[in-house]
Structure formats: C-alpha cells, structure tokens
N, C-alpha and C. Protein backbone atom coordinates (compact mmCIF):
# COMPACT_ATOMS: atom_id res chain seq x y z
N UNK A 1 23.67 49.66 44.33
CA UNK A 1 24.95 50.10 43.84
C UNK A 1 24.86 51.57 43.42
N UNK A 2 25.76 52.38 43.92
CA UNK A 2 25.77 53.80 43.60
C UNK A 2 26.46 54.02 42.26
N UNK A 3 25.85 54.85 41.47
CA UNK A 3 26.43 55.19 40.17
C UNK A 3 27.13 56.53 40.30
N UNK A 4 28.42 56.57 40.05
CA UNK A 4 29.18 57.81 40.08
C UNK A 4 29.29 58.36 38.66
N UNK A 5 29.13 59.67 38.51
CA UNK A 5 29.24 60.25 37.17
C UNK A 5 30.63 60.03 36.58
N UNK A 6 30.68 59.69 35.29
CA UNK A 6 31.95 59.51 34.60
C UNK A 6 32.53 60.82 34.10
N UNK A 7 31.68 61.81 33.94
CA UNK A 7 32.14 63.10 33.45
C UNK A 7 31.36 64.21 34.14
N UNK A 8 31.81 65.42 33.87
CA UNK A 8 31.17 66.59 34.47
C UNK A 8 29.70 66.69 34.10
N UNK A 9 29.33 66.26 32.89
CA UNK A 9 27.97 66.41 32.40
C UNK A 9 27.21 65.10 32.39
N UNK A 10 27.54 64.21 33.29
CA UNK A 10 26.87 62.93 33.33
C UNK A 10 25.42 63.07 33.82
N UNK A 11 25.16 64.13 34.57
CA UNK A 11 23.79 64.39 35.03
C UNK A 11 23.36 65.79 34.60
N UNK A 12 22.08 65.98 34.50
CA UNK A 12 21.55 67.31 34.16
C UNK A 12 21.90 68.31 35.24
N UNK A 13 21.84 67.87 36.49
CA UNK A 13 22.13 68.77 37.60
C UNK A 13 23.57 69.28 37.53
N UNK A 14 24.52 68.40 37.20
CA UNK A 14 25.91 68.84 37.12
C UNK A 14 26.11 69.82 35.96
N UNK A 15 25.40 69.61 34.87
CA UNK A 15 25.49 70.54 33.75
C UNK A 15 24.92 71.90 34.13
N UNK A 16 23.82 71.93 34.86
CA UNK A 16 23.23 73.20 35.30
C UNK A 16 24.15 73.91 36.28
N UNK A 17 24.79 73.15 37.15
CA UNK A 17 25.74 73.75 38.09
C UNK A 17 26.91 74.38 37.33
N UNK A 18 27.39 73.68 36.31
CA UNK A 18 28.48 74.21 35.49
C UNK A 18 28.07 75.50 34.79
N UNK A 19 26.86 75.54 34.25
CA UNK A 19 26.37 76.75 33.58
C UNK A 19 26.31 77.91 34.57
N UNK A 20 25.87 77.62 35.80
CA UNK A 20 25.83 78.67 36.82
C UNK A 20 27.21 79.22 37.13
N UNK A 21 28.19 78.34 37.27
CA UNK A 21 29.56 78.78 37.52
C UNK A 21 30.11 79.56 36.34
N UNK A 22 29.82 79.08 35.14
CA UNK A 22 30.27 79.79 33.94
C UNK A 22 29.66 81.19 33.87
N UNK A 23 28.41 81.32 34.23
CA UNK A 23 27.75 82.63 34.23
C UNK A 23 28.45 83.59 35.21
N UNK A 24 28.85 83.09 36.37
CA UNK A 24 29.57 83.92 37.33
C UNK A 24 30.91 84.39 36.78
N UNK A 25 31.63 83.49 36.12
CA UNK A 25 32.93 83.83 35.55
C UNK A 25 32.77 84.85 34.42
N UNK A 26 31.77 84.68 33.59
CA UNK A 26 31.52 85.62 32.50
C UNK A 26 31.20 87.00 33.06
N UNK A 27 30.39 87.05 34.10
CA UNK A 27 30.04 88.33 34.72
C UNK A 27 31.27 89.01 35.32
N UNK A 28 32.10 88.25 36.00
CA UNK A 28 33.32 88.83 36.60
C UNK A 28 34.27 89.33 35.51
N UNK A 29 34.41 88.58 34.44
CA UNK A 29 35.29 88.99 33.35
C UNK A 29 34.77 90.26 32.69
N UNK A 30 33.47 90.34 32.54
CA UNK A 30 32.87 91.54 31.92
C UNK A 30 33.09 92.77 32.81
N UNK A 31 32.98 92.60 34.12
CA UNK A 31 33.24 93.72 35.04
C UNK A 31 34.69 94.17 34.93
N UNK A 32 35.60 93.21 34.82
CA UNK A 32 37.02 93.56 34.65
C UNK A 32 37.24 94.33 33.36
N UNK A 33 36.58 93.90 32.29
CA UNK A 33 36.73 94.60 31.01
C UNK A 33 36.14 96.01 31.07
N UNK A 34 35.03 96.17 31.77
CA UNK A 34 34.45 97.51 31.92
C UNK A 34 35.41 98.43 32.66
N UNK A 35 36.10 97.90 33.67
CA UNK A 35 37.11 98.69 34.39
C UNK A 35 38.27 99.03 33.45
N UNK A 36 38.66 98.08 32.61
CA UNK A 36 39.72 98.35 31.62
C UNK A 36 39.29 99.42 30.63
N UNK A 37 38.04 99.39 30.22
CA UNK A 37 37.53 100.42 29.30
C UNK A 37 37.62 101.79 29.94
N UNK A 38 37.22 101.89 31.19
CA UNK A 38 37.29 103.17 31.90
C UNK A 38 38.73 103.66 32.00
N UNK A 39 39.64 102.74 32.26
CA UNK A 39 41.04 103.10 32.41
C UNK A 39 41.66 103.52 31.08
N UNK A 40 41.23 102.90 29.98
CA UNK A 40 41.83 103.15 28.67
C UNK A 40 41.25 104.36 27.94
N UNK A 41 40.16 104.92 28.46
CA UNK A 41 39.59 106.11 27.80
C UNK A 41 40.62 107.23 27.82
N UNK A 42 40.78 107.88 26.70
CA UNK A 42 41.75 108.96 26.61
C UNK A 42 43.17 108.45 26.40
N UNK A 43 43.31 107.16 26.20
CA UNK A 43 44.63 106.57 25.98
C UNK A 43 45.14 106.95 24.60
N UNK A 44 46.42 106.84 24.42
CA UNK A 44 47.00 107.11 23.11
C UNK A 44 46.92 105.90 22.18
N UNK A 45 46.27 104.82 22.66
CA UNK A 45 46.14 103.60 21.87
C UNK A 45 44.66 103.28 21.65
N UNK A 46 44.02 103.94 20.69
CA UNK A 46 42.57 103.73 20.48
C UNK A 46 42.22 102.31 20.03
N UNK A 47 43.14 101.63 19.35
CA UNK A 47 42.84 100.27 18.90
C UNK A 47 42.75 99.31 20.10
N UNK A 48 43.52 99.57 21.13
CA UNK A 48 43.44 98.74 22.34
C UNK A 48 42.06 98.90 22.97
N UNK A 49 41.57 100.14 23.03
CA UNK A 49 40.24 100.40 23.57
C UNK A 49 39.18 99.70 22.72
N UNK A 50 39.32 99.74 21.41
CA UNK A 50 38.37 99.06 20.53
C UNK A 50 38.38 97.55 20.77
N UNK A 51 39.56 96.98 20.98
CA UNK A 51 39.66 95.53 21.23
C UNK A 51 38.99 95.16 22.55
N UNK A 52 39.18 95.98 23.56
CA UNK A 52 38.55 95.71 24.87
C UNK A 52 37.04 95.83 24.75
N UNK A 53 36.57 96.83 24.03
CA UNK A 53 35.13 96.99 23.82
C UNK A 53 34.54 95.80 23.07
N UNK A 54 35.25 95.30 22.08
CA UNK A 54 34.78 94.13 21.33
C UNK A 54 34.71 92.90 22.24
N UNK A 55 35.70 92.71 23.07
CA UNK A 55 35.68 91.58 24.01
C UNK A 55 34.51 91.72 24.98
N UNK A 56 34.26 92.92 25.46
CA UNK A 56 33.14 93.16 26.37
C UNK A 56 31.81 92.87 25.68
N UNK A 57 31.69 93.29 24.44
CA UNK A 57 30.47 93.05 23.66
C UNK A 57 30.23 91.55 23.51
N UNK A 58 31.28 90.81 23.18
CA UNK A 58 31.15 89.36 23.01
C UNK A 58 30.79 88.67 24.32
N UNK A 59 31.37 89.12 25.42
CA UNK A 59 31.01 88.55 26.72
C UNK A 59 29.57 88.89 27.10
N UNK A 60 29.09 90.05 26.68
CA UNK A 60 27.70 90.40 26.95
C UNK A 60 26.77 89.41 26.26
N UNK A 61 27.08 89.05 25.03
CA UNK A 61 26.28 88.06 24.32
C UNK A 61 26.32 86.71 25.01
N UNK A 62 27.49 86.34 25.47
CA UNK A 62 27.64 85.07 26.20
C UNK A 62 26.83 85.12 27.50
N UNK A 63 26.86 86.27 28.18
CA UNK A 63 26.10 86.43 29.41
C UNK A 63 24.61 86.30 29.19
N UNK A 64 24.12 86.84 28.08
CA UNK A 64 22.69 86.72 27.76
C UNK A 64 22.31 85.26 27.54
N UNK A 65 23.20 84.52 26.91
CA UNK A 65 22.95 83.09 26.71
C UNK A 65 22.88 82.37 28.05
N UNK A 66 23.76 82.73 28.98
CA UNK A 66 23.76 82.10 30.30
C UNK A 66 22.45 82.39 31.04
N UNK A 67 21.94 83.60 30.91
CA UNK A 67 20.66 83.96 31.54
C UNK A 67 19.54 83.09 30.97
N UNK A 68 19.54 82.90 29.66
CA UNK A 68 18.52 82.05 29.03
C UNK A 68 18.62 80.62 29.53
N UNK A 69 19.84 80.12 29.64
CA UNK A 69 20.02 78.76 30.13
C UNK A 69 19.55 78.61 31.57
N UNK A 70 19.80 79.62 32.39
CA UNK A 70 19.32 79.58 33.77
C UNK A 70 17.80 79.57 33.82
N UNK A 71 17.18 80.36 32.96
CA UNK A 71 15.71 80.38 32.93
C UNK A 71 15.16 79.02 32.51
N UNK A 72 15.80 78.40 31.54
CA UNK A 72 15.36 77.07 31.13
C UNK A 72 15.54 76.06 32.26
N UNK A 73 16.61 76.22 33.01
CA UNK A 73 16.86 75.33 34.14
C UNK A 73 15.77 75.51 35.20
N UNK A 74 15.42 76.76 35.47
CA UNK A 74 14.37 77.04 36.45
C UNK A 74 13.05 76.46 35.98
N UNK A 75 12.78 76.57 34.69
CA UNK A 75 11.56 76.00 34.12
C UNK A 75 11.55 74.49 34.31
N UNK A 76 12.66 73.84 34.03
CA UNK A 76 12.74 72.39 34.16
C UNK A 76 12.54 71.97 35.61
N UNK A 77 13.13 72.70 36.54
CA UNK A 77 13.00 72.36 37.96
C UNK A 77 11.57 72.54 38.46
N UNK A 78 10.90 73.57 37.99
CA UNK A 78 9.54 73.87 38.45
C UNK A 78 8.50 73.05 37.70
N UNK A 79 8.74 72.81 36.45
CA UNK A 79 7.71 72.29 35.57
C UNK A 79 8.05 70.91 35.04
N UNK A 80 8.34 70.01 35.91
CA UNK A 80 8.73 68.68 35.49
C UNK A 80 7.54 67.82 35.07
N UNK A 81 6.39 68.44 34.89
CA UNK A 81 5.19 67.69 34.57
C UNK A 81 5.15 67.24 33.11
N UNK A 82 6.04 67.80 32.28
CA UNK A 82 6.07 67.40 30.89
C UNK A 82 5.17 68.24 29.99
N UNK A 83 4.50 69.24 30.54
CA UNK A 83 3.67 70.10 29.71
C UNK A 83 4.55 70.93 28.79
N UNK A 84 4.11 71.12 27.56
CA UNK A 84 4.94 71.85 26.61
C UNK A 84 4.51 73.30 26.41
N UNK A 85 3.53 73.77 27.14
CA UNK A 85 3.03 75.12 26.92
C UNK A 85 3.29 76.05 28.08
N UNK A 86 4.23 75.72 28.94
CA UNK A 86 4.57 76.62 30.02
C UNK A 86 4.01 76.15 31.34
N UNK A 87 4.25 76.95 32.33
CA UNK A 87 3.91 76.57 33.70
C UNK A 87 2.99 77.60 34.32
N UNK A 88 1.95 77.14 34.94
CA UNK A 88 1.05 78.05 35.63
C UNK A 88 1.60 78.48 36.98
N UNK A 89 2.53 77.70 37.53
CA UNK A 89 3.11 78.03 38.85
C UNK A 89 4.14 79.13 38.75
N UNK A 90 5.08 79.02 37.82
CA UNK A 90 6.16 80.00 37.76
C UNK A 90 5.99 81.02 36.64
N UNK A 91 5.09 80.79 35.72
CA UNK A 91 4.82 81.74 34.65
C UNK A 91 5.77 81.68 33.47
N UNK A 92 6.73 80.76 33.51
CA UNK A 92 7.66 80.64 32.39
C UNK A 92 6.99 79.94 31.24
N UNK A 93 7.30 80.40 30.05
CA UNK A 93 6.77 79.79 28.84
C UNK A 93 7.86 79.11 28.06
C-alpha cells in the first residue's frame, strides 16, 4: 500500500524541496529590492529608501538561514551514517 503525504512536510525530502524553493524566492525578492534601492537613490523620499534598505537587510538574514539549511540538507544526504562529528567524504561538520 502506497502512503501519500498528508501535508507538504510529511517527508524530509518535501521539506528540503520547500526550503530550496523558498531560498530561490528570497534571492529573487532581494534582487528586486536592490534594483529598487538603485532607483530610489537621490529620491526626495529618504524614508522610503530606508524602508527598502531595511527590507533588503532582513531578506539577507533570511537568505543566510536558507544557505545554512541547504548545507545541513547536503550533510544529511551525504552522511546518513549517523556519525555526529562530520563527514570525511564531503568535509561538512
């Protein structure tokens, strides 16, 4: 009998796929904000520029978290042996 996932995160693989998609969306949004920052420089509305910079900063933090999650996913895929001190094959600790 085949078991179908009840939710998006019913399997580890589906959760990792979601994190990958989220990382792509965060990166695209950050690129859009950087374009907005370039466009708003010299604007007569400095608070708008500050708000865009703050949003970009927050997305940068989110992006760093996504990178860490991807690294953990790579570690799990490579190092399924259960060792807790890292992997000799991929070098992740």
